[in-house]
N, C-alpha and C. Protein backbone atom coordinates (compact mmCIF):
# COMPACT_ATOMS: atom_id res chain seq x y z
N MET A 1 -36.61 3.52 -1.49
CA MET A 1 -35.95 1.89 -2.14
C MET A 1 -35.96 2.67 -3.25
N GLN A 2 -34.65 2.03 -4.39
CA GLN A 2 -35.12 2.07 -5.53
C GLN A 2 -34.71 0.83 -6.20
N ARG A 3 -35.76 0.89 -7.03
CA ARG A 3 -36.27 -0.39 -8.10
C ARG A 3 -35.30 -0.96 -9.31
N VAL A 4 -34.81 -2.20 -9.25
CA VAL A 4 -33.87 -2.48 -10.34
C VAL A 4 -35.03 -2.39 -11.65
N VAL A 5 -33.90 -1.58 -12.79
CA VAL A 5 -35.01 -1.89 -14.12
C VAL A 5 -34.66 -2.82 -15.15
N GLN A 6 -35.33 -3.22 -15.57
CA GLN A 6 -35.69 -4.44 -16.27
C GLN A 6 -35.72 -4.03 -18.17
N LYS A 7 -34.97 -4.34 -18.74
CA LYS A 7 -35.02 -4.24 -19.95
C LYS A 7 -36.12 -4.88 -20.31
N VAL A 8 -37.17 -4.60 -21.79
CA VAL A 8 -38.06 -5.76 -21.83
C VAL A 8 -38.39 -5.23 -23.55
N VAL A 9 -37.78 -6.11 -24.02
CA VAL A 9 -37.51 -5.44 -25.87
C VAL A 9 -39.05 -6.55 -26.22
N VAL A 10 -40.28 -5.77 -26.94
CA VAL A 10 -41.24 -6.43 -27.52
C VAL A 10 -41.35 -6.43 -28.77
N ALA A 11 -41.50 -7.29 -29.19
CA ALA A 11 -40.83 -7.66 -30.54
C ALA A 11 -42.68 -7.18 -31.23
N SER A 12 -42.98 -5.71 -31.05
CA SER A 12 -43.38 -5.04 -31.65
C SER A 12 -43.47 -3.72 -31.37
N THR A 13 -44.28 -3.03 -32.39
CA THR A 13 -44.08 -1.67 -32.36
C THR A 13 -45.31 -0.59 -32.08
N ASN A 14 -46.10 -1.57 -32.36
CA ASN A 14 -48.16 -1.22 -31.59
C ASN A 14 -47.63 -1.11 -30.11
N PRO A 15 -48.47 0.36 -29.72
CA PRO A 15 -48.65 0.70 -28.43
C PRO A 15 -49.15 -0.11 -27.76
N VAL A 16 -50.74 -0.84 -28.03
CA VAL A 16 -51.15 -1.71 -27.20
C VAL A 16 -50.34 -2.88 -26.87
N LYS A 17 -49.69 -3.69 -27.88
CA LYS A 17 -49.42 -4.27 -27.00
C LYS A 17 -48.18 -4.25 -26.45
N VAL A 18 -47.27 -3.17 -26.56
CA VAL A 18 -46.08 -2.69 -25.85
C VAL A 18 -47.20 -2.11 -24.72
N ASN A 19 -47.61 -1.34 -24.29
CA ASN A 19 -48.31 -1.46 -22.93
C ASN A 19 -48.96 -2.48 -22.37
N ALA A 20 -49.38 -3.39 -23.03
CA ALA A 20 -49.77 -4.56 -22.79
C ALA A 20 -49.24 -5.28 -21.58
N ALA A 21 -48.10 -5.97 -22.66
CA ALA A 21 -46.64 -5.99 -22.22
C ALA A 21 -46.44 -5.71 -21.12
N LEU A 22 -46.30 -4.07 -20.74
CA LEU A 22 -45.33 -3.77 -19.90
C LEU A 22 -46.69 -4.08 -18.14
N SER A 23 -47.88 -3.80 -19.02
CA SER A 23 -48.88 -3.63 -17.28
C SER A 23 -48.48 -5.47 -17.36
N GLY A 24 -49.00 -6.80 -17.81
CA GLY A 24 -49.12 -7.57 -17.51
C GLY A 24 -47.38 -7.84 -16.05
N LEU A 25 -46.33 -7.29 -16.96
CA LEU A 25 -44.65 -7.27 -16.38
C LEU A 25 -44.48 -6.96 -14.84
N GLN A 26 -45.75 -5.50 -15.30
CA GLN A 26 -45.67 -4.89 -13.40
C GLN A 26 -46.64 -5.55 -12.52
N ALA A 27 -47.10 -6.11 -13.10
CA ALA A 27 -48.31 -6.70 -12.41
C ALA A 27 -48.02 -7.66 -12.08
N MET A 28 -46.89 -9.07 -12.11
CA MET A 28 -46.56 -9.82 -11.85
C MET A 28 -45.41 -9.65 -11.21
N PHE A 29 -44.58 -8.52 -11.28
CA PHE A 29 -43.43 -7.68 -10.59
C PHE A 29 -43.19 -6.51 -10.11
N PRO A 30 -44.38 -6.55 -9.36
CA PRO A 30 -44.53 -4.83 -8.78
C PRO A 30 -42.56 -4.56 -8.39
N HIS A 31 -41.84 -5.44 -7.89
CA HIS A 31 -40.68 -4.93 -7.18
C HIS A 31 -39.70 -4.88 -8.60
N TYR A 32 -40.28 -4.58 -9.89
CA TYR A 32 -38.97 -4.03 -10.57
C TYR A 32 -39.91 -2.81 -11.72
N GLU A 33 -39.24 -2.30 -11.95
CA GLU A 33 -39.85 -1.32 -13.27
C GLU A 33 -38.82 -1.53 -14.45
N PHE A 34 -39.99 -1.50 -15.15
CA PHE A 34 -39.67 -2.15 -16.42
C PHE A 34 -39.87 -0.83 -18.36
N LYS A 35 -38.32 -1.26 -18.12
CA LYS A 35 -38.48 -0.58 -19.62
C LYS A 35 -38.49 -0.61 -20.91
N ALA A 36 -39.45 -0.42 -21.67
CA ALA A 36 -39.30 -1.32 -23.34
C ALA A 36 -38.90 -0.85 -24.37
N GLU A 37 -38.25 -1.46 -25.26
CA GLU A 37 -37.35 -1.57 -26.00
C GLU A 37 -38.54 -1.99 -27.31
N PRO A 38 -39.65 -1.60 -27.64
CA PRO A 38 -40.10 -1.39 -29.00
C PRO A 38 -39.52 -1.26 -30.09
N ILE A 39 -39.80 -3.31 -30.41
CA ILE A 39 -38.57 -3.07 -32.32
C ILE A 39 -39.64 -3.60 -33.41
N SER A 40 -40.02 -3.77 -34.09
CA SER A 40 -40.34 -4.69 -35.89
C SER A 40 -39.74 -5.43 -35.41
N VAL A 41 -39.79 -7.30 -35.81
CA VAL A 41 -39.28 -8.27 -35.99
C VAL A 41 -40.28 -8.52 -37.14
N PRO A 42 -40.03 -10.03 -38.26
CA PRO A 42 -40.75 -10.45 -38.95
C PRO A 42 -41.76 -11.59 -37.89
N SER A 43 -42.82 -12.08 -38.06
CA SER A 43 -43.65 -13.23 -37.16
C SER A 43 -42.89 -14.22 -38.30
N GLY A 44 -42.83 -14.37 -39.74
CA GLY A 44 -43.18 -15.67 -40.12
C GLY A 44 -43.84 -16.66 -40.67
N VAL A 45 -44.42 -15.60 -40.01
CA VAL A 45 -46.41 -16.12 -40.56
C VAL A 45 -47.41 -15.37 -41.39
N ALA A 46 -48.34 -15.46 -42.24
CA ALA A 46 -48.90 -14.41 -42.27
C ALA A 46 -48.95 -13.53 -41.87
N ASP A 47 -49.41 -12.68 -42.37
CA ASP A 47 -50.29 -11.25 -42.16
C ASP A 47 -50.74 -11.34 -41.33
N GLN A 48 -52.18 -12.06 -40.78
CA GLN A 48 -53.24 -12.70 -40.50
C GLN A 48 -53.42 -14.45 -40.10
N PRO A 49 -52.46 -14.30 -39.26
CA PRO A 49 -52.14 -15.82 -39.09
C PRO A 49 -54.17 -16.31 -39.22
N MET A 50 -54.18 -17.29 -39.16
CA MET A 50 -55.37 -18.53 -39.68
C MET A 50 -55.68 -19.24 -38.80
N SER A 51 -55.14 -19.78 -37.79
CA SER A 51 -54.65 -20.74 -36.67
C SER A 51 -54.10 -20.66 -35.65
N ASP A 52 -55.06 -21.47 -34.36
CA ASP A 52 -54.17 -21.30 -33.15
C ASP A 52 -52.75 -22.23 -33.48
N SER A 53 -52.50 -22.48 -33.86
CA SER A 53 -50.85 -23.37 -34.04
C SER A 53 -49.80 -21.64 -35.31
N GLU A 54 -50.52 -21.16 -35.55
CA GLU A 54 -49.69 -20.50 -36.77
C GLU A 54 -49.85 -19.13 -36.26
N THR A 55 -50.51 -19.10 -35.32
CA THR A 55 -50.61 -18.17 -34.03
C THR A 55 -49.16 -17.96 -33.01
N LEU A 56 -49.76 -19.20 -32.81
CA LEU A 56 -48.12 -19.42 -31.46
C LEU A 56 -46.82 -19.30 -32.56
N THR A 57 -46.50 -19.96 -33.11
CA THR A 57 -46.02 -20.00 -33.91
C THR A 57 -45.18 -18.85 -34.65
N GLY A 58 -45.97 -17.74 -35.03
CA GLY A 58 -45.95 -15.95 -35.52
C GLY A 58 -44.91 -15.11 -34.18
N ALA A 59 -45.57 -16.09 -32.85
CA ALA A 59 -45.38 -15.39 -31.37
C ALA A 59 -43.95 -15.60 -31.60
N LEU A 60 -43.17 -17.29 -31.19
CA LEU A 60 -42.31 -17.87 -31.17
C LEU A 60 -41.64 -16.97 -31.68
N ASN A 61 -42.20 -17.25 -33.65
CA ASN A 61 -40.73 -16.08 -33.85
C ASN A 61 -40.89 -15.10 -33.41
N ARG A 62 -41.47 -14.21 -33.29
CA ARG A 62 -41.55 -12.46 -32.63
C ARG A 62 -40.11 -12.63 -31.89
N VAL A 63 -39.98 -14.20 -30.81
CA VAL A 63 -39.46 -13.52 -29.73
C VAL A 63 -37.83 -13.76 -30.01
N ASN A 64 -38.15 -14.96 -30.72
CA ASN A 64 -36.64 -15.51 -30.69
C ASN A 64 -35.94 -14.83 -31.88
N ASN A 65 -36.68 -13.38 -32.42
CA ASN A 65 -36.06 -12.31 -33.36
C ASN A 65 -35.68 -11.55 -32.95
N ALA A 66 -36.33 -11.74 -31.82
CA ALA A 66 -36.24 -9.96 -30.77
C ALA A 66 -35.14 -10.10 -30.36
N VAL A 67 -34.54 -11.92 -30.06
CA VAL A 67 -33.88 -12.13 -29.45
C VAL A 67 -32.13 -11.83 -29.93
N ALA A 68 -32.34 -12.62 -31.25
CA ALA A 68 -31.42 -12.38 -32.30
C ALA A 68 -30.93 -11.41 -32.18
N HIS A 69 -31.83 -10.08 -32.37
CA HIS A 69 -31.81 -8.64 -33.17
C HIS A 69 -30.97 -7.93 -31.65
N HIS A 70 -31.67 -7.96 -30.48
CA HIS A 70 -31.31 -6.98 -29.13
C HIS A 70 -31.15 -8.56 -27.86
N PRO A 71 -30.04 -9.10 -27.71
CA PRO A 71 -29.74 -10.32 -26.97
C PRO A 71 -29.42 -9.82 -25.72
N ASP A 72 -29.33 -8.48 -25.43
CA ASP A 72 -28.83 -7.96 -24.53
C ASP A 72 -30.60 -7.40 -23.58
N ALA A 73 -31.06 -8.52 -23.25
CA ALA A 73 -32.22 -7.86 -22.61
C ALA A 73 -32.29 -8.59 -21.05
N ASP A 74 -33.58 -8.44 -20.61
CA ASP A 74 -34.04 -9.16 -19.80
C ASP A 74 -34.84 -10.51 -19.73
N PHE A 75 -36.24 -9.12 -20.48
CA PHE A 75 -37.93 -10.24 -21.07
C PHE A 75 -37.25 -10.09 -22.52
N TRP A 76 -37.73 -10.57 -23.29
CA TRP A 76 -38.63 -10.34 -24.50
C TRP A 76 -39.68 -10.80 -24.64
N ILE A 77 -40.63 -10.69 -25.35
CA ILE A 77 -41.83 -10.60 -25.34
C ILE A 77 -42.67 -10.74 -27.18
N GLY A 78 -42.92 -11.52 -27.16
CA GLY A 78 -43.89 -11.78 -28.90
C GLY A 78 -45.31 -11.98 -28.89
N ILE A 79 -46.00 -10.64 -29.15
CA ILE A 79 -47.55 -10.87 -29.34
C ILE A 79 -48.17 -11.16 -30.42
N GLU A 80 -48.87 -12.34 -30.82
CA GLU A 80 -49.05 -12.60 -31.87
C GLU A 80 -50.89 -12.89 -32.19
N GLY A 81 -51.86 -11.64 -32.69
CA GLY A 81 -53.15 -12.07 -32.71
C GLY A 81 -53.32 -13.09 -33.83
N GLY A 82 -54.74 -13.85 -33.74
CA GLY A 82 -54.77 -14.33 -34.95
C GLY A 82 -56.36 -15.01 -34.83
N VAL A 83 -56.38 -15.69 -35.87
CA VAL A 83 -58.38 -16.33 -35.99
C VAL A 83 -58.31 -17.63 -36.11
N GLU A 84 -58.89 -18.38 -36.06
CA GLU A 84 -59.20 -19.91 -36.32
C GLU A 84 -60.84 -20.01 -36.36
N THR A 85 -61.42 -20.95 -37.23
CA THR A 85 -62.79 -21.40 -37.43
C THR A 85 -62.67 -22.86 -36.77
N LEU A 86 -64.02 -22.28 -35.84
CA LEU A 86 -64.66 -23.07 -34.69
C LEU A 86 -65.65 -23.07 -35.32
N HIS A 87 -66.37 -24.49 -35.88
CA HIS A 87 -67.52 -24.53 -35.67
C HIS A 87 -68.38 -23.67 -36.73
N HIS A 88 -67.44 -23.47 -37.56
CA HIS A 88 -68.47 -22.39 -39.05
C HIS A 88 -68.37 -21.33 -38.73
N GLU A 89 -67.55 -20.70 -37.55
CA GLU A 89 -67.52 -19.40 -36.91
C GLU A 89 -65.44 -18.76 -36.83
N LEU A 90 -65.43 -17.49 -37.38
CA LEU A 90 -64.14 -16.95 -36.99
C LEU A 90 -64.33 -17.20 -35.60
N ALA A 91 -63.27 -17.19 -34.60
CA ALA A 91 -62.95 -17.23 -33.37
C ALA A 91 -61.65 -15.82 -33.83
N ALA A 92 -61.13 -15.06 -32.73
CA ALA A 92 -59.73 -14.52 -32.05
C ALA A 92 -59.83 -14.51 -31.34
N PHE A 93 -58.32 -14.93 -31.14
CA PHE A 93 -57.77 -14.42 -29.99
C PHE A 93 -55.71 -14.19 -29.81
N ALA A 94 -54.86 -13.90 -28.87
CA ALA A 94 -53.70 -14.09 -29.38
C ALA A 94 -52.52 -14.80 -28.60
N TRP A 95 -51.62 -15.23 -29.12
CA TRP A 95 -50.36 -16.32 -28.06
C TRP A 95 -49.19 -14.96 -27.71
N ILE A 96 -48.87 -15.59 -26.47
CA ILE A 96 -48.12 -14.42 -25.90
C ILE A 96 -47.00 -15.20 -25.78
N VAL A 97 -45.57 -14.08 -25.84
CA VAL A 97 -44.50 -15.50 -25.34
C VAL A 97 -43.92 -14.60 -24.50
N VAL A 98 -42.85 -15.14 -23.28
CA VAL A 98 -42.45 -14.34 -23.14
C VAL A 98 -40.79 -15.33 -23.03
N ARG A 99 -39.94 -14.29 -23.09
CA ARG A 99 -38.52 -14.90 -22.93
C ARG A 99 -37.58 -14.37 -21.84
N THR A 100 -36.55 -15.33 -21.30
CA THR A 100 -35.56 -14.55 -20.82
C THR A 100 -34.01 -15.83 -20.89
N GLN A 101 -33.42 -15.52 -20.17
CA GLN A 101 -32.25 -16.35 -20.37
C GLN A 101 -32.20 -17.30 -20.10
N ASN A 102 -33.34 -18.11 -19.56
CA ASN A 102 -33.56 -19.28 -18.70
C ASN A 102 -34.55 -19.80 -18.81
N LEU A 103 -35.29 -19.05 -19.33
CA LEU A 103 -37.13 -19.76 -19.77
C LEU A 103 -38.06 -19.08 -20.47
N ILE A 104 -39.11 -19.99 -20.83
CA ILE A 104 -39.82 -19.34 -21.44
C ILE A 104 -41.09 -19.58 -21.30
N GLY A 105 -41.99 -19.16 -21.57
CA GLY A 105 -43.85 -18.30 -21.12
C GLY A 105 -44.28 -18.88 -22.07
N LYS A 106 -45.64 -18.95 -22.16
CA LYS A 106 -46.30 -19.15 -23.62
C LYS A 106 -47.71 -19.24 -22.57
N ALA A 107 -48.36 -18.57 -23.75
CA ALA A 107 -49.99 -18.62 -22.80
C ALA A 107 -51.42 -17.91 -24.14
N ARG A 108 -51.94 -18.23 -24.00
CA ARG A 108 -53.09 -17.29 -25.07
C ARG A 108 -54.19 -16.40 -24.09
N SER A 109 -55.02 -15.66 -25.20
CA SER A 109 -55.62 -14.67 -24.90
C SER A 109 -57.47 -15.99 -24.36
N GLY A 110 -57.87 -14.74 -23.99
CA GLY A 110 -58.81 -15.56 -23.75
C GLY A 110 -59.86 -15.20 -25.48
N MET A 111 -60.86 -16.14 -25.91
CA MET A 111 -61.22 -15.96 -27.59
C MET A 111 -62.17 -15.55 -27.74
N PHE A 112 -63.07 -15.05 -28.67
CA PHE A 112 -64.14 -14.03 -28.66
C PHE A 112 -64.60 -14.32 -30.39
N PHE A 113 -65.92 -14.60 -30.74
CA PHE A 113 -66.28 -15.00 -32.36
C PHE A 113 -66.73 -13.69 -33.00
N LEU A 114 -66.01 -13.38 -33.84
CA LEU A 114 -66.82 -12.35 -34.56
C LEU A 114 -67.73 -12.38 -35.61
N PRO A 115 -68.02 -11.32 -35.78
CA PRO A 115 -69.90 -10.80 -35.94
C PRO A 115 -68.94 -11.23 -37.78
N GLN A 116 -70.10 -11.99 -38.97
CA GLN A 116 -70.24 -12.91 -39.97
C GLN A 116 -69.43 -11.91 -40.81
N ALA A 117 -69.99 -10.52 -41.03
CA ALA A 117 -69.70 -9.42 -41.31
C ALA A 117 -67.59 -9.30 -41.77
N VAL A 118 -67.36 -8.98 -40.53
CA VAL A 118 -65.59 -8.99 -40.14
C VAL A 118 -65.28 -10.30 -40.72
N ALA A 119 -65.88 -11.79 -40.12
CA ALA A 119 -65.02 -12.89 -40.49
C ALA A 119 -65.11 -13.33 -42.00
N ASP A 120 -66.14 -12.71 -42.85
CA ASP A 120 -66.18 -12.70 -44.24
C ASP A 120 -65.40 -12.52 -44.96
N LEU A 121 -64.94 -11.00 -44.34
CA LEU A 121 -63.13 -10.26 -45.08
C LEU A 121 -61.85 -10.84 -44.51
N VAL A 122 -62.30 -11.40 -43.03
CA VAL A 122 -60.70 -11.90 -42.87
C VAL A 122 -60.87 -13.48 -43.66
N GLN A 123 -61.54 -13.80 -44.07
CA GLN A 123 -61.48 -15.11 -44.86
C GLN A 123 -61.29 -14.89 -46.37
N GLN A 124 -61.54 -13.75 -47.25
CA GLN A 124 -61.22 -13.40 -47.96
C GLN A 124 -59.42 -12.73 -47.44
N GLY A 125 -59.14 -12.81 -46.93
CA GLY A 125 -57.68 -12.02 -47.22
C GLY A 125 -57.29 -10.19 -46.33
N LEU A 126 -57.86 -9.73 -45.99
CA LEU A 126 -58.10 -8.61 -44.59
C LEU A 126 -56.78 -9.68 -43.71
N GLU A 127 -56.70 -8.40 -43.00
CA GLU A 127 -56.18 -8.51 -41.54
C GLU A 127 -57.60 -7.95 -40.97
N LEU A 128 -57.47 -8.30 -39.53
CA LEU A 128 -58.94 -8.29 -38.56
C LEU A 128 -59.12 -7.18 -38.39
N GLY A 129 -57.95 -6.19 -38.04
CA GLY A 129 -57.65 -4.86 -37.72
C GLY A 129 -58.34 -4.23 -38.98
N GLU A 130 -57.90 -4.38 -40.47
CA GLU A 130 -58.35 -3.83 -41.63
C GLU A 130 -60.35 -4.13 -42.38
N ALA A 131 -59.88 -4.98 -41.91
CA ALA A 131 -61.64 -6.07 -41.62
C ALA A 131 -62.61 -5.09 -40.61
N ASP A 132 -62.24 -4.77 -39.54
CA ASP A 132 -63.27 -3.98 -38.57
C ASP A 132 -62.92 -2.46 -38.81
N ASP A 133 -62.54 -1.79 -39.45
CA ASP A 133 -61.76 -0.62 -39.55
C ASP A 133 -62.93 -0.76 -40.75
N ARG A 134 -63.23 -1.27 -41.76
CA ARG A 134 -64.10 -1.57 -42.81
C ARG A 134 -65.46 -1.70 -42.58
N VAL A 135 -65.97 -2.14 -41.29
CA VAL A 135 -66.98 -2.95 -41.01
C VAL A 135 -67.73 -1.59 -40.41
N PHE A 136 -66.51 -1.56 -39.02
CA PHE A 136 -67.29 -0.46 -38.00
C PHE A 136 -67.12 1.23 -38.66
N GLY A 137 -66.21 1.32 -39.79
CA GLY A 137 -65.88 2.67 -39.94
C GLY A 137 -65.11 3.27 -38.51
N HIS A 138 -64.15 3.06 -38.31
CA HIS A 138 -62.80 3.43 -37.95
C HIS A 138 -61.60 3.25 -38.44
N THR A 139 -60.83 3.68 -37.96
CA THR A 139 -59.09 3.80 -38.01
C THR A 139 -58.01 2.99 -37.38
N ASN A 140 -56.94 2.58 -38.13
CA ASN A 140 -56.33 1.97 -37.46
C ASN A 140 -56.80 1.63 -35.60
N SER A 141 -57.70 0.82 -35.49
CA SER A 141 -58.15 0.10 -34.55
C SER A 141 -57.25 -0.74 -33.84
N LYS A 142 -56.44 -2.01 -34.75
CA LYS A 142 -55.66 -2.53 -34.15
C LYS A 142 -54.90 -2.04 -32.82
N GLN A 143 -54.66 -0.47 -33.40
CA GLN A 143 -53.73 0.31 -32.47
C GLN A 143 -54.69 1.08 -31.32
N LYS A 144 -55.60 0.72 -31.31
CA LYS A 144 -56.67 1.45 -30.25
C LYS A 144 -57.70 0.33 -29.47
N GLY A 145 -58.41 0.18 -29.28
CA GLY A 145 -58.77 -1.21 -28.23
C GLY A 145 -59.54 -2.52 -29.97
N GLY A 146 -59.10 -2.69 -31.10
CA GLY A 146 -59.61 -3.44 -31.18
C GLY A 146 -60.61 -4.30 -31.43
N ALA A 147 -60.30 -5.26 -32.28
CA ALA A 147 -62.42 -5.74 -32.11
C ALA A 147 -63.16 -5.84 -31.06
N ILE A 148 -62.09 -6.61 -30.25
CA ILE A 148 -63.13 -6.32 -28.90
C ILE A 148 -63.19 -5.32 -28.19
N GLY A 149 -62.73 -4.26 -27.81
CA GLY A 149 -63.05 -2.84 -28.07
C GLY A 149 -64.22 -2.31 -28.55
N ILE A 150 -64.19 -2.42 -29.97
CA ILE A 150 -65.50 -2.19 -30.68
C ILE A 150 -66.46 -3.30 -30.26
N LEU A 151 -66.70 -4.71 -30.12
CA LEU A 151 -67.68 -5.13 -29.82
C LEU A 151 -67.73 -5.10 -28.67
N THR A 152 -67.46 -4.87 -27.45
CA THR A 152 -67.89 -4.88 -26.35
C THR A 152 -67.92 -3.25 -26.32
N ASN A 153 -67.80 -2.45 -26.60
CA ASN A 153 -67.83 -0.74 -26.23
C ASN A 153 -66.91 -0.71 -25.08
N ASN A 154 -65.38 -0.92 -25.15
CA ASN A 154 -64.59 -1.24 -24.58
C ASN A 154 -64.83 -1.63 -23.41
N VAL A 155 -65.06 -2.34 -23.28
CA VAL A 155 -65.74 -2.47 -21.45
C VAL A 155 -64.67 -3.89 -21.28
N VAL A 156 -63.83 -4.33 -22.38
CA VAL A 156 -63.05 -5.05 -22.97
C VAL A 156 -62.19 -4.99 -23.97
N ASP A 157 -61.12 -4.35 -23.80
CA ASP A 157 -60.22 -3.54 -24.77
C ASP A 157 -58.52 -4.94 -25.45
N ARG A 158 -58.34 -4.47 -26.32
CA ARG A 158 -57.62 -5.04 -26.62
C ARG A 158 -56.06 -4.88 -25.75
N LYS A 159 -55.72 -4.16 -24.78
CA LYS A 159 -54.78 -4.77 -24.27
C LYS A 159 -55.02 -4.94 -23.11
N GLU A 160 -56.51 -5.20 -22.76
CA GLU A 160 -56.77 -6.01 -21.12
C GLU A 160 -56.44 -7.27 -21.87
N LEU A 161 -57.72 -7.61 -23.14
CA LEU A 161 -57.57 -8.83 -23.63
C LEU A 161 -55.55 -9.70 -23.65
N TYR A 162 -55.26 -8.68 -24.10
CA TYR A 162 -53.68 -9.45 -23.97
C TYR A 162 -52.67 -9.58 -22.78
N GLU A 163 -53.15 -8.28 -21.91
CA GLU A 163 -52.33 -8.52 -19.76
C GLU A 163 -52.81 -9.82 -20.17
N GLN A 164 -53.98 -10.37 -19.88
CA GLN A 164 -53.69 -10.99 -18.89
C GLN A 164 -53.56 -12.88 -19.30
N ALA A 165 -52.99 -12.59 -20.81
CA ALA A 165 -51.99 -12.87 -21.39
C ALA A 165 -51.17 -13.41 -21.07
N VAL A 166 -50.55 -12.09 -21.23
CA VAL A 166 -48.80 -11.99 -20.52
C VAL A 166 -49.20 -12.27 -18.89
N LYS A 167 -49.43 -12.21 -18.10
CA LYS A 167 -49.95 -12.44 -17.17
C LYS A 167 -49.02 -14.32 -16.47
N LEU A 168 -50.27 -14.67 -17.36
CA LEU A 168 -50.56 -16.15 -17.59
C LEU A 168 -48.43 -16.97 -18.22
N ALA A 169 -48.77 -16.14 -18.74
CA ALA A 169 -46.80 -16.70 -19.55
C ALA A 169 -46.63 -16.26 -18.55
N LEU A 170 -46.40 -15.44 -17.58
CA LEU A 170 -45.77 -15.78 -16.62
C LEU A 170 -45.25 -15.95 -15.46
N VAL A 171 -46.08 -16.96 -15.85
CA VAL A 171 -46.44 -17.85 -14.80
C VAL A 171 -44.82 -19.05 -14.21
N PRO A 172 -43.97 -19.18 -15.42
CA PRO A 172 -43.51 -19.73 -14.92
C PRO A 172 -42.08 -18.87 -14.06
N PHE A 173 -41.60 -17.76 -14.45
CA PHE A 173 -41.14 -16.42 -13.94
C PHE A 173 -41.46 -16.40 -12.47
N LYS A 174 -42.14 -17.17 -12.21
CA LYS A 174 -42.63 -16.67 -10.92
C LYS A 174 -42.76 -18.12 -9.80
N ASN A 175 -42.62 -19.44 -11.14
CA ASN A 175 -42.36 -20.90 -10.46
C ASN A 175 -40.78 -21.36 -10.82
N GLU A 176 -39.31 -20.18 -10.67
CA GLU A 176 -38.59 -20.86 -11.59
C GLU A 176 -38.19 -22.31 -11.48
N ALA A 177 -38.35 -22.58 -9.40
CA ALA A 177 -37.93 -23.91 -9.59
C ALA A 177 -38.64 -24.99 -10.04
N LEU A 178 -40.46 -24.87 -9.74
CA LEU A 178 -40.49 -25.81 -10.83
C LEU A 178 -40.66 -25.94 -11.90
N TYR A 179 -40.36 -25.31 -12.94
CA TYR A 179 -40.23 -24.83 -14.42
C TYR A 179 -38.64 -24.92 -15.33
N LEU A 180 -37.40 -24.66 -14.35
CA LEU A 180 -36.15 -25.01 -14.11
C LEU A 180 -36.17 -27.18 -14.31
N GLN A 181 -36.89 -27.17 -14.02
CA GLN A 181 -36.39 -28.49 -13.16
C GLN A 181 -36.62 -30.24 -14.70
N ASN A 182 -36.87 -29.03 -15.75
CA ASN A 182 -37.53 -30.33 -16.69
C ASN A 182 -36.15 -30.83 -16.78
């Protein structure tokens, strides 16, 4: 039996984000086949969001901009990585927003604390990926395992961190009747 193909507009051209989106969708909806269309759209927030709220706003803006630019999809997904200071330490995480014509789902990834050398560079205005590259001597780490991959020696990588949040953002789509009652 041939599976129904669903078009997914991912509001990023970063392969880590695109692959996390596709893997999360496939895990939650194995009876569908998903075809990604990565696009670059503005987040409307700083290149490095510095709070939970700013990061969620960036993901929401990305997904809404993706809808505006490509209204002919089955799913739109926005992924925004951010940081926030908690108890004098800088923590990193991401917000995921998934949207269809009828529903919107949101979830945040797990959070982890950054080493002080990386945190200092981010607080001076560098994006996390650039700070990681400088501190750890990597190149383009944000399109690979990211800070979490470097810090865990790829036991957990950026795709895995984002993929779980994609699955959590899809909860309303697995339970549409409950979430459409509003």
